[in-house]
Every structure is written in C-alpha cells, then in structure tokens.
C-alpha cells in the first residue's frame, strides 16, 4: 500500500504491507437515482438518530439532486450520474441504513489497484491509456459523467480514478503510513487521526490532473464539506 511507483507526496509513504479480510465493493459510484431513493425512504436530509444527529447529508446541485414537494429526485437526465454534494455523514448514513460500510482506504486502494497490482491508476499504469479508464481534467469537459462509461479495472470496477472523489471510512492521519510500516503487516487498518471529523477522500475527480487521480493519492477534508466532485461507493 502507498506510493508504489514513486513521485508521490510524503503522506503516501512509506510503502507498507496490510492484510485484508474478504470484502465486496460496489462496481459503480452511488448514483443520484440511488441516493434520491435513500433520502425518500430515510425521510430526512439530516442524520436522524446517531452520534452524528443533525449533520447535513447532501445539498441540491444541477448535476445532482433537487428537492420537490413530493421528495427528492435526480435532476432530469442525471439519474445515472454519481451523486454529488454529499458529505461524509451523508455517505456514512446511506451505508448504515442499508447495512453496508464505507470502504477503508486500504480496501479502496486494494480494489482500485485491481487486487493490489502495481497500477498507477485504476486499470492502467500507462498515462496514454488513462483516457480510456478515467474522467479527469483532460477529457471531462469540466463536469461529471454517468457511471460506467469508461473501461473498468481488472476487478470490473468503474471510475475508481476520476469522475468524483470517494469518501472513505478512515479519519485523516498524515502519518498513518509511517506508523503502520513500523508494524507491518497490519490487518484491516483504519486510520484514526487526531481530528475525527476530518475524513479521507480517494480517487480524484473530473477536474483533477493525472497526479491526483492516482491510486495512491490520499486527501483529507472535514466531514461536513460537500462539493460537486464529492461522492462515494460502498462495501460489505
């Protein structure tokens, strides 16, 4: 796990071994159609009954969802686009409601790298082929795209590089990899940073360059932030 091909930032290092139990991960990023159905079944756009009660789940957006008198619906034509403007709390609560979990960043990286292969991006290590696998700043026209339009990686997973950033379960710890490397291999690691409200995002988005959509790139932001390039997928 980590900056296996060089050129990464210090918080992607050192490369270290982890062990993971068996898991399944969704082939696609969660879509506007799926998230609208969740909101209407859940009956609130804020967390209802947990330690995160009152936290906002999602905000409307022209590429995402809108709220009507009858409930939440996808923007017309955007049903199969990845849900955007979703907070970490919104991703976490979707998972909790349906019996899933957010991926740990170790699970996410293993899956993105086609089962732990030495892949720079999800599906390839050849920058000339990246256009076939990812929506990023060179080909996205500055916007999200429907899930599953690019090639999948070798595990059959789509858009793990680019399209939208994906929330992970872990809280942000800039030194997590160094701590783990001293005790490798670590089984089923979940980073627990000093600020539990700052969580990890992986994969990069439609507006990011080739460096940011690498499988090793990791980033942390406050859990209540939501942008037009934030989304998620689920594991079990």
C-alpha atoms as a PDB file:
ATOM      1  CA  UNK A   1       0.000   0.000   0.000  1.00  0.00           C
ATOM      2  CA  UNK A   2       1.236   3.511  -0.745  1.00  0.00           C
ATOM      3  CA  UNK A   3       3.334   5.257  -3.383  1.00  0.00           C
ATOM      4  CA  UNK A   4       4.407   2.105  -5.218  1.00  0.00           C
ATOM      5  CA  UNK A   5       5.600   3.860  -8.384  1.00  0.00           C
ATOM      6  CA  UNK A   6       7.364   6.948  -6.990  1.00  0.00           C
ATOM      7  CA  UNK A   7       6.702  10.665  -7.273  1.00  0.00           C
ATOM      8  CA  UNK A   8       4.054  10.782  -4.561  1.00  0.00           C
ATOM      9  CA  UNK A   9       3.739  13.030  -1.515  1.00  0.00           C
ATOM     10  CA  UNK A  10       5.157  12.206   1.902  1.00  0.00           C
ATOM     11  CA  UNK A  11       1.803  11.127   3.323  1.00  0.00           C
ATOM     12  CA  UNK A  12       1.656   8.376   0.665  1.00  0.00           C
ATOM     13  CA  UNK A  13       4.848   6.855   2.090  1.00  0.00           C
ATOM     14  CA  UNK A  14       6.392   4.565   3.065  1.00  0.00           C
ATOM     15  CA  UNK A  15       5.052   1.657   1.051  1.00  0.00           C
ATOM     16  CA  UNK A  16       3.931  -0.998   3.508  1.00  0.00           C
ATOM     17  CA  UNK A  17       2.025  -4.272   3.691  1.00  0.00           C
ATOM     18  CA  UNK A  18      -1.506  -4.678   5.003  1.00  0.00           C
ATOM     19  CA  UNK A  19      -3.770  -7.715   5.267  1.00  0.00           C
ATOM     20  CA  UNK A  20      -7.471  -7.523   4.428  1.00  0.00           C
ATOM     21  CA  UNK A  21     -10.353  -9.850   5.130  1.00  0.00           C
ATOM     22  CA  UNK A  22     -12.605 -10.730   2.217  1.00  0.00           C
ATOM     23  CA  UNK A  23     -14.936  -7.934   1.141  1.00  0.00           C
ATOM     24  CA  UNK A  24     -17.186  -6.861  -1.716  1.00  0.00           C
ATOM     25  CA  UNK A  25     -17.242  -3.371  -3.192  1.00  0.00           C
ATOM     26  CA  UNK A  26     -19.781  -1.724  -5.480  1.00  0.00           C
ATOM     27  CA  UNK A  27     -18.792  -1.710  -9.137  1.00  0.00           C
ATOM     28  CA  UNK A  28     -20.052   1.863  -9.535  1.00  0.00           C
ATOM     29  CA  UNK A  29     -20.147   5.073  -7.567  1.00  0.00           C
ATOM     30  CA  UNK A  30     -23.527   5.569  -5.892  1.00  0.00           C
ATOM     31  CA  UNK A  31     -25.817   7.387  -8.313  1.00  0.00           C
ATOM     32  CA  UNK A  32     -28.318  10.216  -7.982  1.00  0.00           C
ATOM     33  CA  UNK A  33     -31.128   7.715  -8.545  1.00  0.00           C
ATOM     34  CA  UNK A  34     -29.929   5.535  -5.674  1.00  0.00           C
ATOM     35  CA  UNK A  35     -29.341   8.418  -3.303  1.00  0.00           C
ATOM     36  CA  UNK A  36     -32.711  10.055  -4.004  1.00  0.00           C
ATOM     37  CA  UNK A  37     -34.411   6.741  -3.213  1.00  0.00           C
ATOM     38  CA  UNK A  38     -32.460   6.584   0.048  1.00  0.00           C
ATOM     39  CA  UNK A  39     -33.447  10.121   1.093  1.00  0.00           C
ATOM     40  CA  UNK A  40     -37.111   9.459   0.440  1.00  0.00           C
ATOM     41  CA  UNK A  41     -37.043   6.179   2.348  1.00  0.00           C
ATOM     42  CA  UNK A  42     -34.945   7.650   5.152  1.00  0.00           C
ATOM     43  CA  UNK A  43     -37.273  10.663   5.434  1.00  0.00           C
ATOM     44  CA  UNK A  44     -34.705  13.355   6.189  1.00  0.00           C
ATOM     45  CA  UNK A  45     -31.787  15.188   4.633  1.00  0.00           C
ATOM     46  CA  UNK A  46     -30.012  15.335   8.013  1.00  0.00           C
ATOM     47  CA  UNK A  47     -28.818  12.493  10.241  1.00  0.00           C
ATOM     48  CA  UNK A  48     -31.708  11.415  12.473  1.00  0.00           C
ATOM     49  CA  UNK A  49     -30.606   9.183  15.301  1.00  0.00           C
ATOM     50  CA  UNK A  50     -26.919   8.575  15.944  1.00  0.00           C
ATOM     51  CA  UNK A  51     -23.918  10.369  17.391  1.00  0.00           C
ATOM     52  CA  UNK A  52     -23.963  12.410  14.175  1.00  0.00           C
ATOM     53  CA  UNK A  53     -27.573  13.574  14.645  1.00  0.00           C
ATOM     54  CA  UNK A  54     -28.326  16.835  12.860  1.00  0.00           C
ATOM     55  CA  UNK A  55     -25.441  16.658  10.413  1.00  0.00           C
ATOM     56  CA  UNK A  56     -26.384  17.508   6.835  1.00  0.00           C
ATOM     57  CA  UNK A  57     -26.390  14.620   4.361  1.00  0.00           C
ATOM     58  CA  UNK A  58     -26.461  16.318   0.970  1.00  0.00           C
ATOM     59  CA  UNK A  59     -27.267  19.558  -0.847  1.00  0.00           C
ATOM     60  CA  UNK A  60     -29.072  20.086  -4.169  1.00  0.00           C
ATOM     61  CA  UNK A  61     -26.997  20.616  -7.295  1.00  0.00           C
ATOM     62  CA  UNK A  62     -27.584  20.996 -11.027  1.00  0.00           C
ATOM     63  CA  UNK A  63     -25.688  17.709 -11.650  1.00  0.00           C
ATOM     64  CA  UNK A  64     -27.162  16.016  -8.627  1.00  0.00           C
ATOM     65  CA  UNK A  65     -30.432  16.099  -6.715  1.00  0.00           C
ATOM     66  CA  UNK A  66     -33.262  18.528  -6.220  1.00  0.00           C
ATOM     67  CA  UNK A  67     -35.925  18.714  -3.535  1.00  0.00           C
ATOM     68  CA  UNK A  68     -39.593  18.898  -4.538  1.00  0.00           C
ATOM     69  CA  UNK A  69     -42.881  18.910  -2.650  1.00  0.00           C
ATOM     70  CA  UNK A  70     -43.030  15.149  -3.164  1.00  0.00           C
ATOM     71  CA  UNK A  71     -39.469  14.454  -2.051  1.00  0.00           C
ATOM     72  CA  UNK A  72     -36.000  14.270  -3.531  1.00  0.00           C
ATOM     73  CA  UNK A  73     -35.463  13.465  -7.213  1.00  0.00           C
ATOM     74  CA  UNK A  74     -32.440  13.383  -9.518  1.00  0.00           C
ATOM     75  CA  UNK A  75     -32.055  16.312 -11.846  1.00  0.00           C
ATOM     76  CA  UNK A  76     -33.640  15.273 -15.175  1.00  0.00           C
ATOM     77  CA  UNK A  77     -31.108  13.380 -17.257  1.00  0.00           C
ATOM     78  CA  UNK A  78     -28.731  12.908 -14.314  1.00  0.00           C
ATOM     79  CA  UNK A  79     -30.234   9.766 -12.831  1.00  0.00           C
ATOM     80  CA  UNK A  80     -27.154   7.617 -13.534  1.00  0.00           C
ATOM     81  CA  UNK A  81     -24.571  10.272 -12.719  1.00  0.00           C
ATOM     82  CA  UNK A  82     -22.698   9.903  -9.422  1.00  0.00           C
ATOM     83  CA  UNK A  83     -24.374  11.660  -6.518  1.00  0.00           C
ATOM     84  CA  UNK A  84     -22.520  14.854  -5.644  1.00  0.00           C
ATOM     85  CA  UNK A  85     -22.629  17.439  -2.858  1.00  0.00           C
ATOM     86  CA  UNK A  86     -22.757  14.583  -0.360  1.00  0.00           C
ATOM     87  CA  UNK A  87     -20.999  14.970   2.989  1.00  0.00           C
ATOM     88  CA  UNK A  88     -19.094  12.190   4.709  1.00  0.00           C
ATOM     89  CA  UNK A  89     -22.064  11.965   7.073  1.00  0.00           C
ATOM     90  CA  UNK A  90     -24.347  11.534   4.055  1.00  0.00           C
ATOM     91  CA  UNK A  91     -22.195   8.727   2.686  1.00  0.00           C
ATOM     92  CA  UNK A  92     -21.851   7.070   6.095  1.00  0.00           C
ATOM     93  CA  UNK A  93     -25.588   7.217   6.827  1.00  0.00           C
ATOM     94  CA  UNK A  94     -26.501   5.742   3.429  1.00  0.00           C
ATOM     95  CA  UNK A  95     -24.242   2.810   4.237  1.00  0.00           C
ATOM     96  CA  UNK A  96     -25.577   2.407   7.769  1.00  0.00           C
ATOM     97  CA  UNK A  97     -29.193   2.496   6.581  1.00  0.00           C
ATOM     98  CA  UNK A  98     -28.718  -0.311   4.054  1.00  0.00           C
ATOM     99  CA  UNK A  99     -26.277  -2.450   6.021  1.00  0.00           C
ATOM    100  CA  UNK A 100     -23.133  -1.508   4.101  1.00  0.00           C
ATOM    101  CA  UNK A 101     -19.981   0.347   5.125  1.00  0.00           C
ATOM    102  CA  UNK A 102     -17.783   2.946   3.585  1.00  0.00           C
ATOM    103  CA  UNK A 103     -14.561   1.382   2.317  1.00  0.00           C
ATOM    104  CA  UNK A 104     -11.486   1.801   4.441  1.00  0.00           C
ATOM    105  CA  UNK A 105      -8.740   3.413   2.422  1.00  0.00           C
ATOM    106  CA  UNK A 106      -6.869   0.097   2.492  1.00  0.00           C
ATOM    107  CA  UNK A 107      -9.872  -1.659   0.947  1.00  0.00           C
ATOM    108  CA  UNK A 108     -10.289   1.189  -1.513  1.00  0.00           C
ATOM    109  CA  UNK A 109      -6.660   1.101  -2.662  1.00  0.00           C
ATOM    110  CA  UNK A 110      -6.600  -2.694  -2.989  1.00  0.00           C
ATOM    111  CA  UNK A 111      -9.744  -2.572  -5.123  1.00  0.00           C
ATOM    112  CA  UNK A 112      -8.605   0.399  -7.219  1.00  0.00           C
ATOM    113  CA  UNK A 113      -5.328  -1.355  -7.993  1.00  0.00           C
ATOM    114  CA  UNK A 114      -7.201  -4.366  -9.427  1.00  0.00           C
ATOM    115  CA  UNK A 115      -6.455  -6.518  -6.393  1.00  0.00           C
ATOM    116  CA  UNK A 116      -3.236  -4.927  -5.192  1.00  0.00           C
ATOM    117  CA  UNK A 117      -1.434  -4.797  -8.563  1.00  0.00           C
ATOM    118  CA  UNK A 118       1.221  -2.119  -9.144  1.00  0.00           C
ATOM    119  CA  UNK A 119      -1.202   0.151 -11.014  1.00  0.00           C
ATOM    120  CA  UNK A 120      -0.622   3.881 -11.114  1.00  0.00           C
ATOM    121  CA  UNK A 121      -4.271   4.498 -11.991  1.00  0.00           C
ATOM    122  CA  UNK A 122      -7.297   2.237 -11.676  1.00  0.00           C
ATOM    123  CA  UNK A 123      -6.925  -0.072 -14.668  1.00  0.00           C
ATOM    124  CA  UNK A 124      -3.582   1.042 -16.098  1.00  0.00           C
ATOM    125  CA  UNK A 125      -0.118   2.405 -15.434  1.00  0.00           C
ATOM    126  CA  UNK A 126       0.187   3.883 -18.936  1.00  0.00           C
ATOM    127  CA  UNK A 127      -0.658   7.589 -18.980  1.00  0.00           C
ATOM    128  CA  UNK A 128      -1.514   7.293 -22.692  1.00  0.00           C
ATOM    129  CA  UNK A 129      -4.295   4.843 -21.781  1.00  0.00           C
ATOM    130  CA  UNK A 130      -5.715   6.808 -18.861  1.00  0.00           C
ATOM    131  CA  UNK A 131      -8.317   8.461 -21.090  1.00  0.00           C
ATOM    132  CA  UNK A 132      -9.898   5.018 -21.561  1.00  0.00           C
ATOM    133  CA  UNK A 133     -10.347   4.440 -17.806  1.00  0.00           C
ATOM    134  CA  UNK A 134     -10.972   7.795 -16.135  1.00  0.00           C
ATOM    135  CA  UNK A 135     -12.743  11.126 -16.376  1.00  0.00           C
ATOM    136  CA  UNK A 136     -10.168  13.749 -15.398  1.00  0.00           C
ATOM    137  CA  UNK A 137      -9.226  17.301 -16.323  1.00  0.00           C
ATOM    138  CA  UNK A 138      -8.045  16.435 -19.845  1.00  0.00           C
ATOM    139  CA  UNK A 139     -11.223  14.737 -21.077  1.00  0.00           C
ATOM    140  CA  UNK A 140     -14.152  15.557 -18.771  1.00  0.00           C
ATOM    141  CA  UNK A 141     -15.151  18.964 -20.153  1.00  0.00           C
ATOM    142  CA  UNK A 142     -15.240  20.156 -16.544  1.00  0.00           C
ATOM    143  CA  UNK A 143     -18.167  18.071 -15.335  1.00  0.00           C
ATOM    144  CA  UNK A 144     -19.220  14.666 -14.013  1.00  0.00           C
ATOM    145  CA  UNK A 145     -20.326  11.852 -16.311  1.00  0.00           C
ATOM    146  CA  UNK A 146     -22.659   8.857 -15.973  1.00  0.00           C
ATOM    147  CA  UNK A 147     -21.103   5.966 -14.061  1.00  0.00           C
ATOM    148  CA  UNK A 148     -19.630   3.080 -16.008  1.00  0.00           C
ATOM    149  CA  UNK A 149     -18.870   4.807 -19.317  1.00  0.00           C
ATOM    150  CA  UNK A 150     -15.112   4.204 -19.154  1.00  0.00           C
ATOM    151  CA  UNK A 151     -13.322   0.858 -19.043  1.00  0.00           C
ATOM    152  CA  UNK A 152     -13.334  -0.976 -15.701  1.00  0.00           C
ATOM    153  CA  UNK A 153     -10.182  -2.104 -13.974  1.00  0.00           C
ATOM    154  CA  UNK A 154      -9.298  -5.801 -13.825  1.00  0.00           C
ATOM    155  CA  UNK A 155     -11.797  -6.387 -10.974  1.00  0.00           C
ATOM    156  CA  UNK A 156     -14.664  -4.920 -13.015  1.00  0.00           C
ATOM    157  CA  UNK A 157     -14.796  -1.667 -11.024  1.00  0.00           C
ATOM    158  CA  UNK A 158     -15.577   1.602 -12.800  1.00  0.00           C
ATOM    159  CA  UNK A 159     -14.481   5.199 -12.183  1.00  0.00           C
ATOM    160  CA  UNK A 160     -12.153   4.484  -9.281  1.00  0.00           C
ATOM    161  CA  UNK A 161      -9.816   7.017 -10.826  1.00  0.00           C
ATOM    162  CA  UNK A 162     -11.600  10.268 -11.629  1.00  0.00           C
ATOM    163  CA  UNK A 163     -15.253  11.315 -12.052  1.00  0.00           C
ATOM    164  CA  UNK A 164     -15.791  12.102  -8.335  1.00  0.00           C
ATOM    165  CA  UNK A 165     -13.733  11.825  -5.160  1.00  0.00           C
ATOM    166  CA  UNK A 166     -14.869   8.963  -2.942  1.00  0.00           C
ATOM    167  CA  UNK A 167     -15.276   9.219   0.825  1.00  0.00           C
ATOM    168  CA  UNK A 168     -13.566   6.524   2.914  1.00  0.00           C
ATOM    169  CA  UNK A 169     -14.275   5.376   6.450  1.00  0.00           C
ATOM    170  CA  UNK A 170     -10.918   6.423   7.910  1.00  0.00           C
ATOM    171  CA  UNK A 171     -10.281   9.733   9.579  1.00  0.00           C
ATOM    172  CA  UNK A 172      -7.265  11.628   8.272  1.00  0.00           C
ATOM    173  CA  UNK A 173      -3.860  10.865   9.735  1.00  0.00           C
ATOM    174  CA  UNK A 174      -0.987  12.346   7.777  1.00  0.00           C
ATOM    175  CA  UNK A 175       1.452   9.916   9.444  1.00  0.00           C
ATOM    176  CA  UNK A 176      -0.701   6.764   9.241  1.00  0.00           C
ATOM    177  CA  UNK A 177       1.514   5.002   6.711  1.00  0.00           C
ATOM    178  CA  UNK A 178       4.703   5.590   8.678  1.00  0.00           C
ATOM    179  CA  UNK A 179       3.107   4.261  11.853  1.00  0.00           C
ATOM    180  CA  UNK A 180       1.843   1.163  10.034  1.00  0.00           C
ATOM    181  CA  UNK A 181       5.163   0.493   8.299  1.00  0.00           C
ATOM    182  CA  UNK A 182       6.833   0.053  11.678  1.00  0.00           C
ATOM    183  CA  UNK A 183       4.378  -2.744  12.477  1.00  0.00           C
ATOM    184  CA  UNK A 184       3.680  -4.237   9.031  1.00  0.00           C
ATOM    185  CA  UNK A 185       1.783  -6.180   8.047  1.00  0.00           C
ATOM    186  CA  UNK A 186      -1.237  -4.633   9.783  1.00  0.00           C
ATOM    187  CA  UNK A 187      -4.586  -6.399   9.443  1.00  0.00           C
ATOM    188  CA  UNK A 188      -7.673  -4.423   8.328  1.00  0.00           C
ATOM    189  CA  UNK A 189      -6.205  -0.997   9.175  1.00  0.00           C
ATOM    190  CA  UNK A 190      -8.472   2.001   9.712  1.00  0.00           C
ATOM    191  CA  UNK A 191      -6.682   5.308  10.193  1.00  0.00           C
ATOM    192  CA  UNK A 192      -7.762   7.253  13.269  1.00  0.00           C
ATOM    193  CA  UNK A 193      -6.380  10.771  13.125  1.00  0.00           C
ATOM    194  CA  UNK A 194      -6.404  13.277  15.948  1.00  0.00           C
ATOM    195  CA  UNK A 195      -9.347  15.102  14.367  1.00  0.00           C
ATOM    196  CA  UNK A 196     -12.105  12.517  13.985  1.00  0.00           C
ATOM    197  CA  UNK A 197     -14.162  14.956  11.889  1.00  0.00           C
ATOM    198  CA  UNK A 198     -11.620  15.009   9.046  1.00  0.00           C
ATOM    199  CA  UNK A 199     -12.043  12.042   6.708  1.00  0.00           C
ATOM    200  CA  UNK A 200     -10.192  10.591   3.758  1.00  0.00           C
ATOM    201  CA  UNK A 201     -11.108  11.007   0.109  1.00  0.00           C
ATOM    202  CA  UNK A 202      -9.653   8.837  -2.634  1.00  0.00           C
ATOM    203  CA  UNK A 203      -9.547   8.590  -6.420  1.00  0.00           C
ATOM    204  CA  UNK A 204      -9.611  12.182  -7.599  1.00  0.00           C
ATOM    205  CA  UNK A 205     -12.304  13.737  -9.772  1.00  0.00           C
ATOM    206  CA  UNK A 206     -13.249  15.083 -13.175  1.00  0.00           C
ATOM    207  CA  UNK A 207     -11.425  18.361 -12.533  1.00  0.00           C
ATOM    208  CA  UNK A 208      -8.133  16.870 -11.268  1.00  0.00           C
ATOM    209  CA  UNK A 209      -4.912  16.157 -13.134  1.00  0.00           C
ATOM    210  CA  UNK A 210      -3.172  12.819 -13.617  1.00  0.00           C
ATOM    211  CA  UNK A 211      -1.305  13.106 -10.328  1.00  0.00           C
ATOM    212  CA  UNK A 212      -4.431  13.497  -8.217  1.00  0.00           C
ATOM    213  CA  UNK A 213      -6.305  10.573  -9.784  1.00  0.00           C
ATOM    214  CA  UNK A 214      -3.541   8.071  -8.951  1.00  0.00           C
ATOM    215  CA  UNK A 215      -4.470   5.012  -6.895  1.00  0.00           C
ATOM    216  CA  UNK A 216      -2.026   6.041  -4.146  1.00  0.00           C
ATOM    217  CA  UNK A 217      -3.166   9.643  -3.730  1.00  0.00           C
ATOM    218  CA  UNK A 218      -4.892  10.357  -0.407  1.00  0.00           C
ATOM    219  CA  UNK A 219      -6.503  13.513   0.870  1.00  0.00           C
ATOM    220  CA  UNK A 220      -8.411  14.595   3.968  1.00  0.00           C
ATOM    221  CA  UNK A 221     -11.206  17.135   4.452  1.00  0.00           C
ATOM    222  CA  UNK A 222     -13.814  17.993   7.057  1.00  0.00           C
ATOM    223  CA  UNK A 223     -16.713  15.540   7.102  1.00  0.00           C
ATOM    224  CA  UNK A 224     -19.358  18.253   6.705  1.00  0.00           C
ATOM    225  CA  UNK A 225     -17.937  19.640   3.468  1.00  0.00           C
ATOM    226  CA  UNK A 226     -19.724  18.917   0.216  1.00  0.00           C
ATOM    227  CA  UNK A 227     -18.717  19.802  -3.318  1.00  0.00           C
ATOM    228  CA  UNK A 228     -19.758  18.985  -6.869  1.00  0.00           C
ATOM    229  CA  UNK A 229     -16.905  16.479  -7.081  1.00  0.00           C
ATOM    230  CA  UNK A 230     -17.531  14.502  -3.856  1.00  0.00           C
ATOM    231  CA  UNK A 231     -19.253  11.104  -3.956  1.00  0.00           C
ATOM    232  CA  UNK A 232     -18.770   7.548  -2.661  1.00  0.00           C
ATOM    233  CA  UNK A 233     -19.173   3.796  -3.164  1.00  0.00           C
ATOM    234  CA  UNK A 234     -19.956   1.062  -0.635  1.00  0.00           C
ATOM    235  CA  UNK A 235     -18.501  -2.197   0.699  1.00  0.00           C
ATOM    236  CA  UNK A 236     -19.688  -5.204   2.697  1.00  0.00           C
END
